[in-house]
Structure formats: C-alpha cells, structure tokens
Amino acid sequence: MSPDSFFVGTTDAWTLLTTFGLACVTVVARSFFFITDKDWSLPAWAQRGLQYAPIAALSAVIVPEIVMSQGALIQTFKDARLYAVVAGLAFFAWRRGAGQAVLGTIASGMAVYLPLHIGLGW
C-alpha cells in the first residue's frame, strides 16, 4: 500500500468542525475540576453512592456472563460457571476479612470450573 492510496478522500468542513467541537467539549469536561481554585465537595449521598460504583460496574459485566449463554438465560444446572460461582462465594464468605480473600476466591472458583468444564464438558 502506497502512502498516496492511504490518504485518499476528502474531509469536509462539517467533519472538521464536529471533530474540533467534540475535542473542546472533552477538554472542558475533563478539566472542569481543575479550572476552579475553590474547593468543592460532593454531597454525602453522592459520596456514599460512588462507593458502590465499582462493584455495580463489575457486577454489570460479570453477572450476565454467569447466568446467560448465547443471549439467553441458562436452562440447565450442567454449567460449570454456576458451581464455580458457588465455590468462589463460599470461599469468600469463609475468608472474608482475612488476607488473600480475593485471590482465594478466584483460585477456588477456577479449581471447580476447570475440571467441570474440561473434564465433563459443562
């Protein structure tokens, strides 16, 4: 591919204006908190709500992967993911507050998932 064939086409003024406008909005939105010298704080309800944002985002990603297959709810109990979740939750409940709880949760879930998935094809 020659450089001349890569840069084929034209860009109209609306595309350039839109790109510039989006760049301005992005810069202003991201630097909004640095523009002012005055200290500001979120209300207590917002601070409390933001504490749950990471777990809510993580749940929104993980839960559909556990309970759905091919875009539909799982119809059978012969799914290794279900048993891996139960094992991981049990380990986490047992070791909650102790060190290495997250690593142990992942390891125990995988220790159940891999034999069921590879060995039994679940």
Foldseek 3Di string as FASTA:
>chain_A
DDPVVVPDDDDDPVNVVVVVVVVVVVVCVVCVVVPDPDDDDDPPVVVVVVVCVVVVVVCVPVVCVQQDDPRHGDPDPLAQSVVLQVQLVVQLVVQPPHPPNVVVSNVRSCVSRVCSCVVVVD
